[in-house]
PDB file of all heavy atoms in Angstrom:
ATOM      1  N   ASN A   1     -16.567  14.654  -0.852  1.00  0.00           N
ATOM      2  CA  ASN A   1     -15.784  14.081  -1.967  1.00  0.00           C
ATOM      3  C   ASN A   1     -14.283  14.029  -1.610  1.00  0.00           C
ATOM      4  O   ASN A   1     -13.578  13.060  -1.878  1.00  0.00           O
ATOM      5  CB  ASN A   1     -15.970  14.870  -3.248  1.00  0.00           C
ATOM      6  CG  ASN A   1     -17.335  14.694  -3.894  1.00  0.00           C
ATOM      7  OD1 ASN A   1     -17.999  13.704  -3.581  1.00  0.00           O
ATOM      8  ND2 ASN A   1     -17.764  15.628  -4.673  1.00  0.00           N
ATOM      9  N   ARG A   2     -13.818  15.104  -0.994  1.00  0.00           N
ATOM     10  CA  ARG A   2     -12.429  15.121  -0.624  1.00  0.00           C
ATOM     11  C   ARG A   2     -12.075  14.163   0.473  1.00  0.00           C
ATOM     12  O   ARG A   2     -11.007  13.568   0.546  1.00  0.00           O
ATOM     13  CB  ARG A   2     -11.979  16.550  -0.294  1.00  0.00           C
ATOM     14  CG  ARG A   2     -11.923  17.377  -1.594  1.00  0.00           C
ATOM     15  CD  ARG A   2     -11.854  18.888  -1.324  1.00  0.00           C
ATOM     16  NE  ARG A   2     -11.896  19.627  -2.558  1.00  0.00           N
ATOM     17  CZ  ARG A   2     -12.014  20.923  -2.630  1.00  0.00           C
ATOM     18  NH1 ARG A   2     -12.109  21.632  -1.558  1.00  0.00           N
ATOM     19  NH2 ARG A   2     -12.047  21.532  -3.837  1.00  0.00           N
ATOM     20  N   LEU A   3     -13.051  14.034   1.431  1.00  0.00           N
ATOM     21  CA  LEU A   3     -12.844  13.050   2.503  1.00  0.00           C
ATOM     22  C   LEU A   3     -12.736  11.628   1.928  1.00  0.00           C
ATOM     23  O   LEU A   3     -11.911  10.819   2.375  1.00  0.00           O
ATOM     24  CB  LEU A   3     -13.956  13.159   3.530  1.00  0.00           C
ATOM     25  CG  LEU A   3     -13.829  14.287   4.557  1.00  0.00           C
ATOM     26  CD1 LEU A   3     -15.107  14.349   5.374  1.00  0.00           C
ATOM     27  CD2 LEU A   3     -12.613  14.113   5.458  1.00  0.00           C
ATOM     28  N   ALA A   4     -13.651  11.375   0.969  1.00  0.00           N
ATOM     29  CA  ALA A   4     -13.644  10.035   0.355  1.00  0.00           C
ATOM     30  C   ALA A   4     -12.345   9.773  -0.353  1.00  0.00           C
ATOM     31  O   ALA A   4     -11.733   8.698  -0.276  1.00  0.00           O
ATOM     32  CB  ALA A   4     -14.856   9.886  -0.597  1.00  0.00           C
ATOM     33  N   ALA A   5     -11.882  10.787  -1.123  1.00  0.00           N
ATOM     34  CA  ALA A   5     -10.607  10.656  -1.851  1.00  0.00           C
ATOM     35  C   ALA A   5      -9.446  10.511  -0.858  1.00  0.00           C
ATOM     36  O   ALA A   5      -8.535   9.646  -1.113  1.00  0.00           O
ATOM     37  CB  ALA A   5     -10.347  11.860  -2.721  1.00  0.00           C
ATOM     38  N   ALA A   6      -9.467  11.186   0.258  1.00  0.00           N
ATOM     39  CA  ALA A   6      -8.405  11.067   1.221  1.00  0.00           C
ATOM     40  C   ALA A   6      -8.402   9.684   1.860  1.00  0.00           C
ATOM     41  O   ALA A   6      -7.343   9.053   2.106  1.00  0.00           O
ATOM     42  CB  ALA A   6      -8.556  12.108   2.329  1.00  0.00           C
ATOM     43  N   LEU A   7      -9.582   9.110   2.128  1.00  0.00           N
ATOM     44  CA  LEU A   7      -9.714   7.763   2.683  1.00  0.00           C
ATOM     45  C   LEU A   7      -9.184   6.703   1.684  1.00  0.00           C
ATOM     46  O   LEU A   7      -8.485   5.758   2.041  1.00  0.00           O
ATOM     47  CB  LEU A   7     -11.168   7.469   3.035  1.00  0.00           C
ATOM     48  CG  LEU A   7     -11.697   8.136   4.272  1.00  0.00           C
ATOM     49  CD1 LEU A   7     -13.228   7.883   4.395  1.00  0.00           C
ATOM     50  CD2 LEU A   7     -10.997   7.652   5.508  1.00  0.00           C
ATOM     51  N   ILE A   8      -9.446   6.933   0.380  1.00  0.00           N
ATOM     52  CA  ILE A   8      -8.935   6.039  -0.626  1.00  0.00           C
ATOM     53  C   ILE A   8      -7.402   6.042  -0.675  1.00  0.00           C
ATOM     54  O   ILE A   8      -6.714   5.049  -0.719  1.00  0.00           O
ATOM     55  CB  ILE A   8      -9.504   6.399  -2.026  1.00  0.00           C
ATOM     56  CG1 ILE A   8     -11.034   6.094  -2.036  1.00  0.00           C
ATOM     57  CG2 ILE A   8      -8.805   5.622  -3.120  1.00  0.00           C
ATOM     58  CD1 ILE A   8     -11.764   6.563  -3.320  1.00  0.00           C
ATOM     59  N   ALA A   9      -6.885   7.315  -0.619  1.00  0.00           N
ATOM     60  CA  ALA A   9      -5.399   7.456  -0.631  1.00  0.00           C
ATOM     61  C   ALA A   9      -4.786   6.773   0.627  1.00  0.00           C
ATOM     62  O   ALA A   9      -3.748   6.094   0.542  1.00  0.00           O
ATOM     63  CB  ALA A   9      -5.003   8.962  -0.645  1.00  0.00           C
ATOM     64  N   ALA A  10      -5.428   7.021   1.781  1.00  0.00           N
ATOM     65  CA  ALA A  10      -4.927   6.393   3.012  1.00  0.00           C
ATOM     66  C   ALA A  10      -5.004   4.867   2.918  1.00  0.00           C
ATOM     67  O   ALA A  10      -4.079   4.160   3.352  1.00  0.00           O
ATOM     68  CB  ALA A  10      -5.720   6.868   4.215  1.00  0.00           C
ATOM     69  N   SER A  11      -6.068   4.323   2.356  1.00  0.00           N
ATOM     70  CA  SER A  11      -6.246   2.872   2.183  1.00  0.00           C
ATOM     71  C   SER A  11      -5.161   2.310   1.299  1.00  0.00           C
ATOM     72  O   SER A  11      -4.593   1.224   1.569  1.00  0.00           O
ATOM     73  CB  SER A  11      -7.613   2.564   1.573  1.00  0.00           C
ATOM     74  OG  SER A  11      -8.639   3.027   2.474  1.00  0.00           O
ATOM     75  N   LEU A  12      -4.805   3.065   0.198  1.00  0.00           N
ATOM     76  CA  LEU A  12      -3.768   2.593  -0.684  1.00  0.00           C
ATOM     77  C   LEU A  12      -2.436   2.584   0.039  1.00  0.00           C
ATOM     78  O   LEU A  12      -1.628   1.632  -0.143  1.00  0.00           O
ATOM     79  CB  LEU A  12      -3.653   3.541  -1.875  1.00  0.00           C
ATOM     80  CG  LEU A  12      -4.762   3.371  -2.965  1.00  0.00           C
ATOM     81  CD1 LEU A  12      -4.635   4.491  -4.004  1.00  0.00           C
ATOM     82  CD2 LEU A  12      -4.666   2.070  -3.651  1.00  0.00           C
ATOM     83  N   VAL A  13      -2.138   3.577   0.851  1.00  0.00           N
ATOM     84  CA  VAL A  13      -0.889   3.599   1.587  1.00  0.00           C
ATOM     85  C   VAL A  13      -0.795   2.445   2.611  1.00  0.00           C
ATOM     86  O   VAL A  13       0.199   1.738   2.670  1.00  0.00           O
ATOM     87  CB  VAL A  13      -0.734   4.941   2.309  1.00  0.00           C
ATOM     88  CG1 VAL A  13       0.495   4.892   3.254  1.00  0.00           C
ATOM     89  CG2 VAL A  13      -0.536   6.098   1.325  1.00  0.00           C
ATOM     90  N   ILE A  14      -1.927   2.192   3.343  1.00  0.00           N
ATOM     91  CA  ILE A  14      -1.953   1.136   4.330  1.00  0.00           C
ATOM     92  C   ILE A  14      -1.797  -0.230   3.631  1.00  0.00           C
ATOM     93  O   ILE A  14      -1.070  -1.108   4.047  1.00  0.00           O
ATOM     94  CB  ILE A  14      -3.253   1.177   5.184  1.00  0.00           C
ATOM     95  CG1 ILE A  14      -3.220   2.463   5.993  1.00  0.00           C
ATOM     96  CG2 ILE A  14      -3.379  -0.075   6.005  1.00  0.00           C
ATOM     97  CD1 ILE A  14      -4.542   2.721   6.699  1.00  0.00           C
ATOM     98  N   GLY A  15      -2.551  -0.418   2.470  1.00  0.00           N
ATOM     99  CA  GLY A  15      -2.464  -1.688   1.767  1.00  0.00           C
ATOM    100  C   GLY A  15      -1.072  -1.945   1.217  1.00  0.00           C
ATOM    101  O   GLY A  15      -0.548  -3.077   1.304  1.00  0.00           O
ATOM    102  N   SER A  16      -0.477  -0.865   0.707  1.00  0.00           N
ATOM    103  CA  SER A  16       0.867  -1.031   0.170  1.00  0.00           C
ATOM    104  C   SER A  16       1.895  -1.376   1.312  1.00  0.00           C
ATOM    105  O   SER A  16       2.807  -2.142   1.103  1.00  0.00           O
ATOM    106  CB  SER A  16       1.291   0.298  -0.509  1.00  0.00           C
ATOM    107  OG  SER A  16       0.426   0.619  -1.552  1.00  0.00           O
ATOM    108  N   SER A  17       1.674  -0.714   2.450  1.00  0.00           N
ATOM    109  CA  SER A  17       2.556  -1.046   3.609  1.00  0.00           C
ATOM    110  C   SER A  17       2.429  -2.516   4.025  1.00  0.00           C
ATOM    111  O   SER A  17       3.438  -3.193   4.308  1.00  0.00           O
ATOM    112  CB  SER A  17       2.195  -0.153   4.786  1.00  0.00           C
ATOM    113  OG  SER A  17       2.335   1.207   4.436  1.00  0.00           O
ATOM    114  N   LEU A  18       1.185  -3.037   4.028  1.00  0.00           N
ATOM    115  CA  LEU A  18       1.011  -4.462   4.410  1.00  0.00           C
ATOM    116  C   LEU A  18       1.680  -5.359   3.392  1.00  0.00           C
ATOM    117  O   LEU A  18       2.312  -6.365   3.799  1.00  0.00           O
ATOM    118  CB  LEU A  18      -0.499  -4.749   4.515  1.00  0.00           C
ATOM    119  CG  LEU A  18      -1.236  -4.092   5.674  1.00  0.00           C
ATOM    120  CD1 LEU A  18      -2.734  -4.357   5.598  1.00  0.00           C
ATOM    121  CD2 LEU A  18      -0.686  -4.611   7.002  1.00  0.00           C
ATOM    122  N   LEU A  19       1.534  -5.022   2.085  1.00  0.00           N
ATOM    123  CA  LEU A  19       2.183  -5.846   1.059  1.00  0.00           C
ATOM    124  C   LEU A  19       3.674  -5.802   1.193  1.00  0.00           C
ATOM    125  O   LEU A  19       4.373  -6.815   1.035  1.00  0.00           O
ATOM    126  CB  LEU A  19       1.753  -5.328  -0.319  1.00  0.00           C
ATOM    127  CG  LEU A  19       0.336  -5.694  -0.805  1.00  0.00           C
ATOM    128  CD1 LEU A  19       0.051  -4.990  -2.111  1.00  0.00           C
ATOM    129  CD2 LEU A  19       0.220  -7.232  -1.022  1.00  0.00           C
ATOM    130  N   PHE A  20       4.172  -4.603   1.495  1.00  0.00           N
ATOM    131  CA  PHE A  20       5.667  -4.396   1.603  1.00  0.00           C
ATOM    132  C   PHE A  20       6.142  -5.246   2.841  1.00  0.00           C
ATOM    133  O   PHE A  20       7.194  -5.911   2.744  1.00  0.00           O
ATOM    134  CB  PHE A  20       5.964  -2.928   1.812  1.00  0.00           C
ATOM    135  CG  PHE A  20       7.442  -2.594   1.638  1.00  0.00           C
ATOM    136  CD1 PHE A  20       7.898  -2.368   0.368  1.00  0.00           C
ATOM    137  CD2 PHE A  20       8.296  -2.596   2.745  1.00  0.00           C
ATOM    138  CE1 PHE A  20       9.300  -2.064   0.192  1.00  0.00           C
ATOM    139  CE2 PHE A  20       9.592  -2.290   2.574  1.00  0.00           C
ATOM    140  CZ  PHE A  20      10.148  -2.022   1.341  1.00  0.00           C
ATOM    141  N   LEU A  21       5.441  -5.176   3.917  1.00  0.00           N
ATOM    142  CA  LEU A  21       5.912  -5.848   5.143  1.00  0.00           C
ATOM    143  C   LEU A  21       5.756  -7.396   5.020  1.00  0.00           C
ATOM    144  O   LEU A  21       6.550  -8.159   5.614  1.00  0.00           O
ATOM    145  CB  LEU A  21       5.130  -5.389   6.383  1.00  0.00           C
ATOM    146  CG  LEU A  21       5.424  -3.900   6.793  1.00  0.00           C
ATOM    147  CD1 LEU A  21       4.463  -3.498   7.905  1.00  0.00           C
ATOM    148  CD2 LEU A  21       6.877  -3.774   7.253  1.00  0.00           C
ATOM    149  N   SER A  22       4.708  -7.842   4.270  1.00  0.00           N
ATOM    150  CA  SER A  22       4.517  -9.310   4.146  1.00  0.00           C
ATOM    151  C   SER A  22       5.613  -9.921   3.288  1.00  0.00           C
ATOM    152  O   SER A  22       5.821 -11.184   3.333  1.00  0.00           O
ATOM    153  CB  SER A  22       3.146  -9.558   3.529  1.00  0.00           C
ATOM    154  OG  SER A  22       3.100  -9.046   2.205  1.00  0.00           O
ATOM    155  N   ASN A  23       6.271  -9.116   2.457  1.00  0.00           N
ATOM    156  CA  ASN A  23       7.385  -9.564   1.623  1.00  0.00           C
ATOM    157  C   ASN A  23       7.003 -10.712   0.674  1.00  0.00           C
ATOM    158  O   ASN A  23       7.829 -11.574   0.386  1.00  0.00           O
ATOM    159  CB  ASN A  23       8.562 -10.003   2.572  1.00  0.00           C
ATOM    160  CG  ASN A  23       9.921  -9.922   1.858  1.00  0.00           C
ATOM    161  OD1 ASN A  23      10.075  -9.113   0.988  1.00  0.00           O
ATOM    162  ND2 ASN A  23      10.824 -10.790   2.220  1.00  0.00           N
ATOM    163  N   ILE A  24       5.766 -10.703   0.230  1.00  0.00           N
ATOM    164  CA  ILE A  24       5.320 -11.740  -0.686  1.00  0.00           C
ATOM    165  C   ILE A  24       5.486 -11.254  -2.111  1.00  0.00           C
ATOM    166  O   ILE A  24       5.612 -10.081  -2.369  1.00  0.00           O
ATOM    167  CB  ILE A  24       3.866 -12.126  -0.427  1.00  0.00           C
ATOM    168  CG1 ILE A  24       2.930 -10.919  -0.628  1.00  0.00           C
ATOM    169  CG2 ILE A  24       3.710 -12.722   1.011  1.00  0.00           C
ATOM    170  CD1 ILE A  24       1.461 -11.286  -0.515  1.00  0.00           C
ATOM    171  N   GLY A  25       5.421 -12.239  -3.068  1.00  0.00           N
ATOM    172  CA  GLY A  25       5.468 -11.919  -4.473  1.00  0.00           C
ATOM    173  C   GLY A  25       6.892 -11.756  -4.991  1.00  0.00           C
ATOM    174  O   GLY A  25       7.863 -11.934  -4.227  1.00  0.00           O
ATOM    175  N   PRO A  26       7.023 -11.377  -6.279  1.00  0.00           N
ATOM    176  CA  PRO A  26       8.336 -11.193  -6.832  1.00  0.00           C
ATOM    177  C   PRO A  26       9.068 -10.025  -6.203  1.00  0.00           C
ATOM    178  O   PRO A  26       8.450  -9.165  -5.657  1.00  0.00           O
ATOM    179  CB  PRO A  26       8.007 -10.942  -8.336  1.00  0.00           C
ATOM    180  CG  PRO A  26       6.670 -10.441  -8.353  1.00  0.00           C
ATOM    181  CD  PRO A  26       5.926 -11.104  -7.272  1.00  0.00           C
ATOM    182  N   HIS A  27      10.447 -10.088  -6.297  1.00  0.00           N
ATOM    183  CA  HIS A  27      11.218  -9.068  -5.715  1.00  0.00           C
ATOM    184  C   HIS A  27      12.053  -8.342  -6.784  1.00  0.00           C
ATOM    185  O   HIS A  27      12.436  -8.903  -7.808  1.00  0.00           O
ATOM    186  CB  HIS A  27      12.172  -9.632  -4.648  1.00  0.00           C
ATOM    187  CG  HIS A  27      11.403  -9.996  -3.407  1.00  0.00           C
ATOM    188  ND1 HIS A  27      10.460 -11.015  -3.327  1.00  0.00           N
ATOM    189  CD2 HIS A  27      11.538  -9.500  -2.104  1.00  0.00           C
ATOM    190  CE1 HIS A  27       9.952 -11.107  -2.138  1.00  0.00           C
ATOM    191  NE2 HIS A  27      10.633 -10.215  -1.333  1.00  0.00           N
ATOM    192  N   TRP A  28      12.360  -7.068  -6.525  1.00  0.00           N
ATOM    193  CA  TRP A  28      13.265  -6.314  -7.343  1.00  0.00           C
ATOM    194  C   TRP A  28      14.406  -5.927  -6.450  1.00  0.00           C
ATOM    195  O   TRP A  28      14.334  -5.024  -5.625  1.00  0.00           O
ATOM    196  CB  TRP A  28      12.584  -5.036  -7.922  1.00  0.00           C
ATOM    197  CG  TRP A  28      13.498  -4.233  -8.834  1.00  0.00           C
ATOM    198  CD1 TRP A  28      14.147  -4.685  -9.934  1.00  0.00           C
ATOM    199  CD2 TRP A  28      13.794  -2.836  -8.649  1.00  0.00           C
ATOM    200  NE1 TRP A  28      14.867  -3.737 -10.487  1.00  0.00           N
ATOM    201  CE2 TRP A  28      14.659  -2.515  -9.751  1.00  0.00           C
ATOM    202  CE3 TRP A  28      13.432  -1.867  -7.787  1.00  0.00           C
ATOM    203  CZ2 TRP A  28      15.204  -1.249  -9.945  1.00  0.00           C
ATOM    204  CZ3 TRP A  28      13.960  -0.598  -7.987  1.00  0.00           C
ATOM    205  CH2 TRP A  28      14.802  -0.271  -9.008  1.00  0.00           C
ATOM    206  N   GLY A  29      15.538  -6.658  -6.611  1.00  0.00           N
ATOM    207  CA  GLY A  29      16.546  -6.554  -5.595  1.00  0.00           C
ATOM    208  C   GLY A  29      16.054  -7.227  -4.335  1.00  0.00           C
ATOM    209  O   GLY A  29      15.645  -8.394  -4.274  1.00  0.00           O
ATOM    210  N   GLU A  30      16.060  -6.432  -3.258  1.00  0.00           N
ATOM    211  CA  GLU A  30      15.491  -6.949  -1.998  1.00  0.00           C
ATOM    212  C   GLU A  30      14.089  -6.367  -1.704  1.00  0.00           C
ATOM    213  O   GLU A  30      13.532  -6.640  -0.615  1.00  0.00           O
ATOM    214  CB  GLU A  30      16.444  -6.592  -0.874  1.00  0.00           C
ATOM    215  CG  GLU A  30      17.851  -7.233  -1.011  1.00  0.00           C
ATOM    216  CD  GLU A  30      18.699  -6.910   0.199  1.00  0.00           C
ATOM    217  OE1 GLU A  30      18.258  -6.102   1.013  1.00  0.00           O
ATOM    218  OE2 GLU A  30      19.861  -7.392   0.246  1.00  0.00           O
ATOM    219  N   LEU A  31      13.523  -5.627  -2.633  1.00  0.00           N
ATOM    220  CA  LEU A  31      12.264  -4.935  -2.379  1.00  0.00           C
ATOM    221  C   LEU A  31      11.120  -5.713  -3.019  1.00  0.00           C
ATOM    222  O   LEU A  31      11.223  -6.071  -4.215  1.00  0.00           O
ATOM    223  CB  LEU A  31      12.274  -3.516  -2.925  1.00  0.00           C
ATOM    224  CG  LEU A  31      13.349  -2.592  -2.362  1.00  0.00           C
ATOM    225  CD1 LEU A  31      13.327  -1.249  -3.104  1.00  0.00           C
ATOM    226  CD2 LEU A  31      13.140  -2.395  -0.855  1.00  0.00           C
TER     227      LEU A  31
END
């Protein structure tokens, strides 16, 4: 269960990083 939760957390971090680097969507300031 904890491995699965850790994988989900890691996936969220990786997905957020890709979204951040792609620079798509609305912006708040420059972010």
